[in-house]
C-alpha cells in the first residue's frame, strides 16, 4: 500500500515530478504516481482525492502549472497533508503556479515548495512520515549528513587547488 500519492495535471509535468519519486525511493517510501487533470476530468480527480485516505496515502504531492488548482483542490478534499509543486510555465515562468498554490484560503493549507521543487516535496513528505517512523527519521538524518559531506568535499577541494582552478575544472 502506497504511503504517498504523487499527482500531476499533465505528462509534461513528469520531468519535474519524477524528482519527488526519486527522493521517496531513496528513503524507501512507497508511492503511487498518476496524471489527473482537475479541469478536464473533475469526476476522476474528485474520486482520486476522496479515496486517497482509504488507499493508505498519508501525504499527497500535487504538481501543477498555470492556474494550478490541483494542489488546492486536493487539500480541500484530502484530510491529510498536501504538498504543492508549482511547475514552471512559459507565460510567467511558474510564478503564476506558485501564487495559485501558495495563496490558499484559511482552513485549506497546502505546503508549497519552490517552482519545480519536486525533490524538496519528496523530502518534505519523508519528513512528515518520519514524525511517526524512527527508522525513516534515521534515513533522513543520514541524508542530511550526505549533503554536508558533499559540501565539505567541495570546500576541501577548493582549498587544495584554489577557487580559480576549481572553477576551470567545472
C-alpha atoms as a PDB file:
ATOM      1  CA  UNK A   1       0.000   0.000   0.000  1.00  0.00           C
ATOM      2  CA  UNK A   2       1.460   3.348  -1.055  1.00  0.00           C
ATOM      3  CA  UNK A   3       2.093   5.945   1.642  1.00  0.00           C
ATOM      4  CA  UNK A   4       2.390   8.895  -0.743  1.00  0.00           C
ATOM      5  CA  UNK A   5       0.343   9.871  -3.746  1.00  0.00           C
ATOM      6  CA  UNK A   6       2.041  11.878  -6.489  1.00  0.00           C
ATOM      7  CA  UNK A   7      -0.387  13.528  -8.868  1.00  0.00           C
ATOM      8  CA  UNK A   8       0.123  15.950 -11.720  1.00  0.00           C
ATOM      9  CA  UNK A   9      -2.127  17.573 -14.277  1.00  0.00           C
ATOM     10  CA  UNK A  10      -0.180  16.611 -17.404  1.00  0.00           C
ATOM     11  CA  UNK A  11       2.556  14.306 -18.620  1.00  0.00           C
ATOM     12  CA  UNK A  12       4.558  17.455 -19.391  1.00  0.00           C
ATOM     13  CA  UNK A  13       4.953  17.775 -15.590  1.00  0.00           C
ATOM     14  CA  UNK A  14       6.626  14.364 -15.340  1.00  0.00           C
ATOM     15  CA  UNK A  15      10.266  15.517 -15.770  1.00  0.00           C
ATOM     16  CA  UNK A  16       9.801  17.691 -12.674  1.00  0.00           C
ATOM     17  CA  UNK A  17       7.592  15.369 -10.623  1.00  0.00           C
ATOM     18  CA  UNK A  18       9.800  12.305 -11.100  1.00  0.00           C
ATOM     19  CA  UNK A  19      12.273  14.044  -8.761  1.00  0.00           C
ATOM     20  CA  UNK A  20       9.778  13.622  -5.910  1.00  0.00           C
ATOM     21  CA  UNK A  21       9.519   9.923  -6.737  1.00  0.00           C
ATOM     22  CA  UNK A  22      13.307   9.596  -6.785  1.00  0.00           C
ATOM     23  CA  UNK A  23      13.581  11.100  -3.305  1.00  0.00           C
ATOM     24  CA  UNK A  24      10.840   8.834  -1.959  1.00  0.00           C
ATOM     25  CA  UNK A  25      12.655   5.838  -3.436  1.00  0.00           C
ATOM     26  CA  UNK A  26      15.881   6.979  -1.773  1.00  0.00           C
ATOM     27  CA  UNK A  27      14.124   6.827   1.595  1.00  0.00           C
ATOM     28  CA  UNK A  28      12.314   3.553   0.835  1.00  0.00           C
ATOM     29  CA  UNK A  29       8.863   5.148   0.831  1.00  0.00           C
ATOM     30  CA  UNK A  30       6.141   3.591  -1.284  1.00  0.00           C
ATOM     31  CA  UNK A  31       4.227   5.859  -3.639  1.00  0.00           C
ATOM     32  CA  UNK A  32       1.704   5.848  -6.432  1.00  0.00           C
ATOM     33  CA  UNK A  33       2.072   8.302  -9.317  1.00  0.00           C
ATOM     34  CA  UNK A  34      -0.704   9.347 -11.669  1.00  0.00           C
ATOM     35  CA  UNK A  35      -1.855  12.071 -14.057  1.00  0.00           C
ATOM     36  CA  UNK A  36      -5.236  13.679 -13.459  1.00  0.00           C
ATOM     37  CA  UNK A  37      -6.413  16.996 -14.817  1.00  0.00           C
ATOM     38  CA  UNK A  38      -8.653  18.689 -12.270  1.00  0.00           C
ATOM     39  CA  UNK A  39     -10.117  20.814 -15.081  1.00  0.00           C
ATOM     40  CA  UNK A  40     -10.508  18.227 -17.844  1.00  0.00           C
ATOM     41  CA  UNK A  41     -11.614  15.273 -15.710  1.00  0.00           C
ATOM     42  CA  UNK A  42     -13.086  16.625 -12.472  1.00  0.00           C
ATOM     43  CA  UNK A  43     -15.015  13.425 -11.721  1.00  0.00           C
ATOM     44  CA  UNK A  44     -11.833  11.315 -11.855  1.00  0.00           C
ATOM     45  CA  UNK A  45      -9.973  13.912  -9.802  1.00  0.00           C
ATOM     46  CA  UNK A  46     -12.690  14.004  -7.136  1.00  0.00           C
ATOM     47  CA  UNK A  47     -12.685  10.210  -6.820  1.00  0.00           C
ATOM     48  CA  UNK A  48      -8.874  10.214  -6.507  1.00  0.00           C
ATOM     49  CA  UNK A  49      -8.860  12.789  -3.699  1.00  0.00           C
ATOM     50  CA  UNK A  50     -11.912  11.314  -1.978  1.00  0.00           C
ATOM     51  CA  UNK A  51     -10.479   7.763  -1.866  1.00  0.00           C
ATOM     52  CA  UNK A  52      -6.816   8.619  -1.194  1.00  0.00           C
ATOM     53  CA  UNK A  53      -7.084   8.199   2.564  1.00  0.00           C
ATOM     54  CA  UNK A  54      -8.669   4.750   2.320  1.00  0.00           C
ATOM     55  CA  UNK A  55      -5.927   3.771  -0.160  1.00  0.00           C
ATOM     56  CA  UNK A  56      -3.456   4.436   2.656  1.00  0.00           C
ATOM     57  CA  UNK A  57      -1.949   7.709   1.474  1.00  0.00           C
ATOM     58  CA  UNK A  58      -0.531   9.758   4.344  1.00  0.00           C
ATOM     59  CA  UNK A  59       0.650  12.634   2.123  1.00  0.00           C
ATOM     60  CA  UNK A  60      -0.131  13.741  -1.424  1.00  0.00           C
ATOM     61  CA  UNK A  61       2.357  15.647  -3.568  1.00  0.00           C
ATOM     62  CA  UNK A  62       0.479  17.557  -6.260  1.00  0.00           C
ATOM     63  CA  UNK A  63       2.256  19.319  -9.111  1.00  0.00           C
ATOM     64  CA  UNK A  64       0.540  21.867 -11.309  1.00  0.00           C
ATOM     65  CA  UNK A  65       1.315  24.694 -13.687  1.00  0.00           C
ATOM     66  CA  UNK A  66      -0.632  27.744 -14.807  1.00  0.00           C
ATOM     67  CA  UNK A  67      -3.906  28.041 -12.909  1.00  0.00           C
ATOM     68  CA  UNK A  68      -2.542  25.292 -10.632  1.00  0.00           C
ATOM     69  CA  UNK A  69      -5.783  24.206  -8.994  1.00  0.00           C
ATOM     70  CA  UNK A  70      -4.771  20.589  -8.440  1.00  0.00           C
ATOM     71  CA  UNK A  71      -2.922  21.024  -5.099  1.00  0.00           C
ATOM     72  CA  UNK A  72      -5.541  23.280  -3.542  1.00  0.00           C
ATOM     73  CA  UNK A  73      -8.488  21.192  -4.644  1.00  0.00           C
ATOM     74  CA  UNK A  74      -6.699  18.090  -3.371  1.00  0.00           C
ATOM     75  CA  UNK A  75      -6.207  19.797   0.003  1.00  0.00           C
ATOM     76  CA  UNK A  76      -9.873  20.772   0.064  1.00  0.00           C
ATOM     77  CA  UNK A  77     -10.882  17.095  -0.142  1.00  0.00           C
ATOM     78  CA  UNK A  78      -7.992  15.019   1.294  1.00  0.00           C
ATOM     79  CA  UNK A  79      -7.772  15.424   5.109  1.00  0.00           C
ATOM     80  CA  UNK A  80      -4.017  14.785   5.435  1.00  0.00           C
ATOM     81  CA  UNK A  81      -1.026  16.915   4.268  1.00  0.00           C
ATOM     82  CA  UNK A  82      -0.790  18.077   0.668  1.00  0.00           C
ATOM     83  CA  UNK A  83       2.457  19.416  -0.759  1.00  0.00           C
ATOM     84  CA  UNK A  84       2.123  21.611  -3.824  1.00  0.00           C
ATOM     85  CA  UNK A  85       4.804  21.783  -6.510  1.00  0.00           C
ATOM     86  CA  UNK A  86       4.449  24.818  -8.772  1.00  0.00           C
ATOM     87  CA  UNK A  87       5.537  23.880 -12.287  1.00  0.00           C
ATOM     88  CA  UNK A  88       7.471  26.319 -14.485  1.00  0.00           C
ATOM     89  CA  UNK A  89       5.281  27.804 -17.227  1.00  0.00           C
ATOM     90  CA  UNK A  90       6.218  29.587 -20.438  1.00  0.00           C
ATOM     91  CA  UNK A  91       3.943  32.568 -19.865  1.00  0.00           C
ATOM     92  CA  UNK A  92       5.006  33.604 -16.366  1.00  0.00           C
ATOM     93  CA  UNK A  93       7.945  31.290 -15.537  1.00  0.00           C
ATOM     94  CA  UNK A  94       5.926  29.451 -12.880  1.00  0.00           C
ATOM     95  CA  UNK A  95       5.175  32.492 -10.756  1.00  0.00           C
ATOM     96  CA  UNK A  96       1.506  32.084 -11.705  1.00  0.00           C
ATOM     97  CA  UNK A  97       1.636  28.484 -10.468  1.00  0.00           C
ATOM     98  CA  UNK A  98       3.405  29.485  -7.262  1.00  0.00           C
ATOM     99  CA  UNK A  99       0.849  32.171  -6.422  1.00  0.00           C
ATOM    100  CA  UNK A 100      -2.073  29.866  -7.231  1.00  0.00           C
ATOM    101  CA  UNK A 101      -0.763  27.173  -4.890  1.00  0.00           C
ATOM    102  CA  UNK A 102       0.556  29.259  -2.024  1.00  0.00           C
ATOM    103  CA  UNK A 103      -2.430  31.651  -1.728  1.00  0.00           C
ATOM    104  CA  UNK A 104      -4.916  29.201  -0.266  1.00  0.00           C
ATOM    105  CA  UNK A 105      -7.862  30.353   1.831  1.00  0.00           C
ATOM    106  CA  UNK A 106      -7.786  29.906   5.585  1.00  0.00           C
ATOM    107  CA  UNK A 107      -8.550  26.333   6.561  1.00  0.00           C
ATOM    108  CA  UNK A 108      -7.175  24.756   3.359  1.00  0.00           C
ATOM    109  CA  UNK A 109      -3.381  24.723   3.790  1.00  0.00           C
ATOM    110  CA  UNK A 110      -1.029  23.471   1.081  1.00  0.00           C
ATOM    111  CA  UNK A 111       2.644  23.167   1.956  1.00  0.00           C
ATOM    112  CA  UNK A 112       4.349  24.713  -1.060  1.00  0.00           C
ATOM    113  CA  UNK A 113       7.879  24.214  -2.336  1.00  0.00           C
ATOM    114  CA  UNK A 114       9.845  26.200  -4.908  1.00  0.00           C
ATOM    115  CA  UNK A 115       8.975  26.316  -8.584  1.00  0.00           C
ATOM    116  CA  UNK A 116       9.973  22.884  -9.981  1.00  0.00           C
ATOM    117  CA  UNK A 117      10.964  21.901  -6.418  1.00  0.00           C
ATOM    118  CA  UNK A 118       9.654  18.337  -6.544  1.00  0.00           C
ATOM    119  CA  UNK A 119      12.795  16.884  -4.926  1.00  0.00           C
ATOM    120  CA  UNK A 120      12.125  19.038  -1.863  1.00  0.00           C
ATOM    121  CA  UNK A 121       8.494  17.936  -1.943  1.00  0.00           C
ATOM    122  CA  UNK A 122       9.677  14.333  -1.721  1.00  0.00           C
ATOM    123  CA  UNK A 123      11.979  15.178   1.171  1.00  0.00           C
ATOM    124  CA  UNK A 124       9.201  17.096   2.954  1.00  0.00           C
ATOM    125  CA  UNK A 125       6.830  14.132   2.536  1.00  0.00           C
ATOM    126  CA  UNK A 126       9.523  11.892   4.040  1.00  0.00           C
ATOM    127  CA  UNK A 127       9.942  14.259   6.980  1.00  0.00           C
ATOM    128  CA  UNK A 128       6.188  14.298   7.593  1.00  0.00           C
ATOM    129  CA  UNK A 129       6.101  10.500   7.614  1.00  0.00           C
ATOM    130  CA  UNK A 130       9.230  10.335   9.786  1.00  0.00           C
ATOM    131  CA  UNK A 131       7.394  12.013  12.660  1.00  0.00           C
ATOM    132  CA  UNK A 132       5.964   8.588  13.467  1.00  0.00           C
ATOM    133  CA  UNK A 133       8.642   6.315  11.998  1.00  0.00           C
ATOM    134  CA  UNK A 134      12.010   6.277  13.843  1.00  0.00           C
ATOM    135  CA  UNK A 135      13.745   4.204  11.121  1.00  0.00           C
ATOM    136  CA  UNK A 136      12.752   6.724   8.461  1.00  0.00           C
ATOM    137  CA  UNK A 137      13.951   9.556  10.674  1.00  0.00           C
ATOM    138  CA  UNK A 138      17.379   7.904  10.819  1.00  0.00           C
ATOM    139  CA  UNK A 139      17.447   7.723   6.996  1.00  0.00           C
ATOM    140  CA  UNK A 140      16.670  11.443   6.819  1.00  0.00           C
ATOM    141  CA  UNK A 141      19.443  12.226   9.299  1.00  0.00           C
ATOM    142  CA  UNK A 142      21.862  10.148   7.212  1.00  0.00           C
ATOM    143  CA  UNK A 143      20.766  12.012   4.066  1.00  0.00           C
ATOM    144  CA  UNK A 144      21.425  15.353   5.754  1.00  0.00           C
ATOM    145  CA  UNK A 145      24.897  14.081   6.648  1.00  0.00           C
ATOM    146  CA  UNK A 146      25.448  13.084   2.984  1.00  0.00           C
ATOM    147  CA  UNK A 147      24.575  16.645   1.959  1.00  0.00           C
ATOM    148  CA  UNK A 148      27.018  18.054   4.480  1.00  0.00           C
ATOM    149  CA  UNK A 149      29.777  15.652   3.393  1.00  0.00           C
ATOM    150  CA  UNK A 150      29.279  16.646  -0.252  1.00  0.00           C
ATOM    151  CA  UNK A 151      29.677  20.327   0.537  1.00  0.00           C
ATOM    152  CA  UNK A 152      32.680  19.675   2.770  1.00  0.00           C
ATOM    153  CA  UNK A 153      34.394  17.698  -0.020  1.00  0.00           C
ATOM    154  CA  UNK A 154      33.940  20.623  -2.417  1.00  0.00           C
ATOM    155  CA  UNK A 155      35.197  23.061   0.209  1.00  0.00           C
ATOM    156  CA  UNK A 156      38.313  20.969   0.782  1.00  0.00           C
ATOM    157  CA  UNK A 157      38.968  20.696  -2.950  1.00  0.00           C
ATOM    158  CA  UNK A 158      38.677  24.456  -3.401  1.00  0.00           C
ATOM    159  CA  UNK A 159      41.062  24.992  -0.524  1.00  0.00           C
ATOM    160  CA  UNK A 160      43.530  22.482  -2.029  1.00  0.00           C
ATOM    161  CA  UNK A 161      43.546  23.707  -5.648  1.00  0.00           C
ATOM    162  CA  UNK A 162      42.263  27.271  -5.294  1.00  0.00           C
ATOM    163  CA  UNK A 163      38.963  28.734  -6.411  1.00  0.00           C
ATOM    164  CA  UNK A 164      40.131  29.705  -9.909  1.00  0.00           C
ATOM    165  CA  UNK A 165      41.490  26.233 -10.689  1.00  0.00           C
ATOM    166  CA  UNK A 166      38.348  24.635  -9.228  1.00  0.00           C
ATOM    167  CA  UNK A 167      36.122  26.752 -11.493  1.00  0.00           C
ATOM    168  CA  UNK A 168      38.230  25.941 -14.554  1.00  0.00           C
ATOM    169  CA  UNK A 169      37.638  22.228 -13.900  1.00  0.00           C
ATOM    170  CA  UNK A 170      33.889  22.751 -13.970  1.00  0.00           C
END
